[in-house]
Protein backbone atom coordinates (compact mmCIF):
# COMPACT_ATOMS: atom_id res chain seq x y z
CA MET A 1 -5.02 3.62 -30.80
CA THR A 2 -3.98 0.08 -29.96
CA LYS A 3 -6.08 -2.12 -27.70
CA PRO A 4 -4.49 -2.84 -24.32
CA ALA A 5 -3.35 -6.39 -23.63
CA LEU A 6 -4.18 -7.93 -20.25
CA GLN A 7 -2.19 -10.72 -18.63
CA ILE A 8 -3.23 -12.13 -15.26
CA PHE A 9 -0.77 -13.92 -12.98
CA THR A 10 -1.08 -15.78 -9.72
CA ASP A 11 0.83 -13.28 -7.64
CA GLN A 12 3.20 -10.33 -7.66
CA ALA A 13 6.29 -12.55 -7.99
CA ALA A 14 4.96 -13.90 -11.29
CA ILE A 15 4.20 -10.37 -12.49
CA SER A 16 7.78 -9.36 -11.76
CA GLN A 17 9.22 -12.32 -13.65
CA ALA A 18 7.13 -11.51 -16.70
CA ALA A 19 8.03 -7.82 -16.50
CA ALA A 20 11.74 -8.66 -16.31
CA GLN A 21 11.47 -10.74 -19.47
CA TYR A 22 9.67 -7.91 -21.25
CA PHE A 23 12.34 -5.47 -20.06
CA LEU A 24 15.12 -7.63 -21.48
CA GLN A 25 13.31 -8.25 -24.77
CA ILE A 26 12.40 -4.61 -25.40
CA ALA A 27 15.86 -3.40 -24.39
CA SER A 28 17.59 -5.87 -26.69
CA GLU A 29 15.35 -5.00 -29.64
CA ALA A 30 15.79 -1.26 -29.09
CA VAL A 31 19.58 -1.48 -29.00
CA ALA A 32 19.66 -3.75 -32.04
CA THR A 33 17.39 -1.36 -33.97
CA ARG A 34 18.32 2.11 -32.74
CA GLY A 35 21.54 1.67 -30.76
CA ARG A 36 20.10 2.62 -27.38
CA PHE A 37 17.26 1.80 -24.98
CA GLY A 38 15.30 4.55 -23.25
CA VAL A 39 13.10 3.55 -20.30
CA THR A 40 11.13 5.38 -17.63
CA LEU A 41 10.92 3.66 -14.27
CA SER A 42 8.13 3.93 -11.70
CA GLY A 43 8.16 4.23 -7.94
CA GLY A 44 6.08 2.66 -5.21
CA SER A 45 6.24 -0.86 -3.82
CA THR A 46 5.00 -2.82 -6.84
CA PRO A 47 8.16 -2.59 -9.02
CA GLU A 48 10.59 -3.35 -6.19
CA GLU A 49 10.80 -7.08 -6.95
CA LEU A 50 11.26 -6.31 -10.65
CA TYR A 51 14.24 -4.10 -9.83
CA ARG A 52 15.75 -6.84 -7.65
CA LEU A 53 15.33 -9.35 -10.46
CA LEU A 54 16.97 -7.08 -13.02
CA SER A 55 19.98 -6.68 -10.73
CA GLN A 56 20.54 -10.45 -10.63
CA SER A 57 21.47 -13.20 -13.06
CA PRO A 58 20.68 -13.54 -15.90
CA PHE A 59 19.41 -9.97 -16.35
CA ASP A 60 22.41 -8.21 -14.84
CA ARG A 61 24.56 -9.56 -17.67
CA ASN A 62 22.03 -9.92 -20.49
CA VAL A 63 20.34 -6.51 -20.44
CA PRO A 64 22.42 -4.09 -22.57
CA TRP A 65 23.14 -1.78 -19.65
CA PRO A 66 25.86 0.30 -21.37
CA GLN A 67 23.27 1.38 -23.98
CA THR A 68 20.41 1.79 -21.48
CA HIS A 69 19.21 5.27 -20.50
CA VAL A 70 16.98 5.54 -17.44
CA PHE A 71 14.44 8.22 -16.64
CA TRP A 72 11.49 8.28 -14.23
CA GLY A 73 7.80 8.76 -14.93
CA ASP A 74 7.52 10.86 -11.79
CA GLU A 75 9.54 11.88 -8.78
CA ARG A 76 8.85 13.11 -5.26
CA LEU A 77 10.41 16.48 -4.49
CA VAL A 78 12.82 15.21 -1.85
CA PRO A 79 16.62 14.85 -1.99
CA PRO A 80 17.83 11.64 -3.69
CA ASP A 81 19.14 10.14 -0.45
CA GLU A 82 15.89 10.59 1.50
CA PRO A 83 13.12 8.00 1.87
CA GLY A 84 10.46 8.58 -0.74
CA SER A 85 12.84 9.30 -3.61
CA ASN A 86 11.97 7.17 -6.62
CA TYR A 87 15.53 7.59 -7.84
CA GLY A 88 16.90 6.47 -4.47
CA GLN A 89 14.72 3.37 -4.52
CA ALA A 90 15.87 2.33 -8.00
CA ALA A 91 19.50 3.16 -7.25
CA GLU A 92 19.54 0.96 -4.16
CA LEU A 93 17.72 -2.00 -5.69
CA LEU A 94 19.01 -1.88 -9.25
CA LEU A 95 21.17 0.87 -10.68
CA ASP A 96 24.04 0.61 -8.19
CA ARG A 97 24.23 -3.12 -8.91
CA VAL A 98 24.46 -3.19 -12.72
CA PRO A 99 27.01 -1.80 -15.21
CA ILE A 100 24.99 1.20 -16.36
CA PRO A 101 27.10 4.33 -16.98
CA ALA A 102 26.42 7.13 -14.54
CA GLU A 103 25.76 9.54 -17.40
CA ASN A 104 22.95 7.27 -18.59
CA VAL A 105 20.94 7.85 -15.42
CA HIS A 106 18.73 10.90 -15.96
CA ARG A 107 17.14 11.61 -12.61
CA ALA A 108 14.66 14.33 -11.84
CA LYS A 109 16.29 16.56 -9.23
CA GLY A 110 13.82 16.34 -6.39
CA GLU A 111 15.99 18.50 -4.16
CA LEU A 112 15.25 21.60 -6.29
CA GLU A 113 12.31 23.95 -5.96
CA PRO A 114 9.38 22.79 -8.13
CA ALA A 115 9.85 25.24 -11.00
CA ALA A 116 13.58 24.58 -11.18
CA ALA A 117 13.07 20.81 -11.01
CA VAL A 118 10.53 20.95 -13.85
CA ALA A 119 12.82 23.10 -16.00
CA ASP A 120 15.83 20.85 -15.41
CA TYR A 121 13.94 17.65 -16.19
CA THR A 122 12.34 19.21 -19.27
CA ASN A 123 15.83 20.09 -20.53
CA GLN A 124 17.04 16.55 -19.90
CA LEU A 125 14.19 15.19 -22.00
CA ARG A 126 14.97 17.60 -24.82
CA ASP A 127 18.67 16.75 -24.72
CA PHE A 128 17.90 13.03 -24.99
CA SER A 129 15.49 13.57 -27.86
CA ASP A 130 16.47 13.72 -31.51
CA GLY A 131 16.70 17.50 -31.52
CA GLN A 132 13.41 17.93 -33.37
CA HIS A 133 11.09 17.11 -30.47
CA ARG A 134 10.69 18.30 -26.89
CA TRP A 135 10.81 14.76 -25.54
CA PRO A 136 12.03 11.35 -26.73
CA HIS A 137 10.00 8.40 -27.91
CA PHE A 138 10.73 6.10 -24.99
CA ASP A 139 11.14 2.44 -25.81
CA LEU A 140 9.51 1.38 -22.55
CA VAL A 141 7.42 3.13 -19.91
CA LEU A 142 6.78 1.31 -16.64
CA LEU A 143 3.71 2.51 -14.74
CA GLY A 144 1.71 1.49 -11.70
CA LEU A 145 -1.86 2.10 -10.62
CA GLY A 146 -3.00 3.60 -7.33
CA SER A 147 -6.14 2.51 -5.55
CA ASP A 148 -7.56 5.93 -6.49
CA GLY A 149 -6.84 5.38 -10.19
CA HIS A 150 -3.74 7.56 -10.41
CA THR A 151 -0.65 6.64 -12.39
CA ALA A 152 2.75 8.30 -12.22
CA SER A 153 1.75 11.51 -10.44
CA LEU A 154 -1.38 12.09 -12.50
CA PHE A 155 -4.08 12.22 -9.81
CA PRO A 156 -7.88 12.41 -9.83
CA GLY A 157 -9.39 15.85 -10.15
CA SER A 158 -9.61 18.61 -12.69
CA ILE A 159 -7.02 18.18 -15.41
CA PRO A 160 -4.70 21.21 -15.54
CA ALA A 161 -4.41 22.73 -19.00
CA ARG A 162 -0.62 22.54 -18.85
CA GLU A 163 -0.82 18.75 -18.72
CA ALA A 164 -1.73 18.71 -22.41
CA ARG A 165 1.03 21.04 -23.56
CA GLU A 166 4.01 20.55 -21.22
CA PRO A 167 6.11 17.37 -20.94
CA VAL A 168 6.76 17.85 -17.21
CA ILE A 169 4.58 19.49 -14.56
CA SER A 170 4.70 19.85 -10.77
CA VAL A 171 1.80 18.59 -8.66
CA THR A 172 0.79 18.30 -5.03
CA ALA A 173 -1.17 15.25 -3.90
CA ASP A 174 -1.60 13.29 -0.68
CA TYR A 175 -1.51 9.54 -1.20
CA ASP A 176 -0.63 6.70 1.17
CA GLY A 177 1.51 8.90 3.40
CA ARG A 178 4.11 9.54 0.70
CA PRO A 179 5.74 12.90 -0.07
CA ALA A 180 3.08 15.21 -1.47
CA HIS A 181 5.14 17.53 -3.66
CA ARG A 182 6.07 15.87 -6.95
CA LEU A 183 6.83 16.31 -10.60
CA THR A 184 5.52 14.04 -13.31
CA LEU A 185 5.75 13.37 -17.00
CA THR A 186 2.48 14.05 -18.78
CA PRO A 187 0.24 11.95 -21.04
CA PRO A 188 1.72 13.32 -24.30
CA VAL A 189 5.10 11.88 -23.29
CA PHE A 190 3.72 8.56 -22.11
CA ASN A 191 1.52 8.27 -25.20
CA ASP A 192 4.52 8.65 -27.50
CA ALA A 193 6.20 5.55 -26.04
CA ARG A 194 6.71 2.40 -28.06
CA HIS A 195 5.70 0.15 -25.16
CA VAL A 196 3.80 0.92 -21.96
CA ILE A 197 3.60 -1.71 -19.24
CA PHE A 198 1.41 -1.33 -16.16
CA LEU A 199 2.24 -3.43 -13.09
CA VAL A 200 -0.74 -3.88 -10.74
CA ALA A 201 -0.88 -6.13 -7.68
CA GLY A 202 -3.19 -6.55 -4.71
CA GLY A 203 -6.87 -6.49 -3.92
CA LYS A 204 -6.73 -2.79 -2.97
CA LYS A 205 -6.27 -2.04 -6.66
CA ALA A 206 -9.20 -4.20 -7.88
CA GLU A 207 -11.85 -1.49 -8.02
CA ALA A 208 -9.56 0.97 -9.77
CA LEU A 209 -8.36 -1.61 -12.27
CA ALA A 210 -11.91 -2.61 -13.20
CA ALA A 211 -12.92 1.04 -13.60
CA VAL A 212 -9.89 1.94 -15.71
CA LEU A 213 -10.14 -1.05 -18.03
CA GLN A 214 -13.87 -1.75 -18.18
CA GLY A 215 -15.70 1.28 -16.83
CA PRO A 216 -16.85 4.30 -18.78
CA HIS A 217 -14.21 6.84 -19.66
CA ASN A 218 -13.83 9.42 -16.92
CA LEU A 219 -10.39 10.90 -17.38
CA GLU A 220 -10.69 13.13 -14.32
CA GLN A 221 -11.72 10.35 -11.95
CA TRP A 222 -9.44 7.65 -13.38
CA PRO A 223 -6.24 9.30 -14.64
CA ALA A 224 -4.72 6.03 -15.86
CA GLN A 225 -7.30 6.17 -18.66
CA ARG A 226 -5.35 9.12 -20.07
CA ILE A 227 -2.58 6.72 -21.10
CA GLN A 228 -3.66 5.86 -24.64
CA PRO A 229 -0.73 5.52 -27.04
CA GLN A 230 -1.72 6.05 -30.64
CA GLN A 231 0.89 3.66 -32.01
CA GLY A 232 2.69 2.00 -29.12
CA SER A 233 1.54 -1.08 -27.23
CA VAL A 234 -0.04 -1.12 -23.75
CA THR A 235 0.25 -4.24 -21.61
CA TRP A 236 -1.29 -4.71 -18.18
CA LEU A 237 0.47 -7.28 -15.98
CA VAL A 238 -1.82 -7.87 -12.99
CA ASP A 239 -2.26 -10.49 -10.31
CA GLN A 240 -5.44 -12.41 -9.53
CA ALA A 241 -6.26 -10.22 -6.54
CA ALA A 242 -6.14 -7.05 -8.60
CA ALA A 243 -8.18 -8.70 -11.35
CA SER A 244 -10.90 -9.92 -8.98
CA GLN A 245 -13.49 -7.32 -10.03
CA LEU A 246 -12.97 -7.60 -13.79
CA ASN A 247 -15.82 -8.92 -15.90
CA ASN A 248 -14.82 -11.98 -17.94
CA PRO A 249 -11.08 -11.45 -17.48
CA GLN A 250 -8.83 -13.13 -19.99
CA GLY A 251 -5.38 -14.12 -18.71
């Protein structure tokens, strides 16, 4: 298991600039090495500025969009054109503004019933894989951190057994007034990624960030601790407000 890297920035704008550079670098290396770039995006407010940056110069022309394949780490079970859709957010801010082929956008179908949505997304993962695995080794996973310690739609509480054996599960959770019914990728998928990048901004996240990074392991209370790639890298890009409760932060 690789040790997470922590980088602390002055504010969310600086986080987004750094994340955009990572996105371009990882995408370029993946295409040069394997001919395609597979990434899972995250929802919520923190990545919005990153998506705006990627839709603008120089990223709109330098990222290898024709070889980029986009998935999502989780999705709210709402239609794609309704508020709350992670796909809808990324489409508006990024995907509709760059030359990515429509067939390269692999959205979770939030308009379906939970079981059907899980089955469809599971099949999409398998189809994108190499045929020998149930899910692909993503080149990049973008994740956030909730003030309760959740990431993607992995929330505090008892860990369901299916989380360890299924690549996609449905969950119900109330958080920040957002749609409660969701589906999410599971830790085995995230932990197979080549690069995982967490984006964390704001003082509301400070307690959770300190607990996840420096507190004792409590995988039920702090689900982000379940993200522990055995071979891939983990990088935390955080602002000073989020890092305010860390002991001896290095950044």
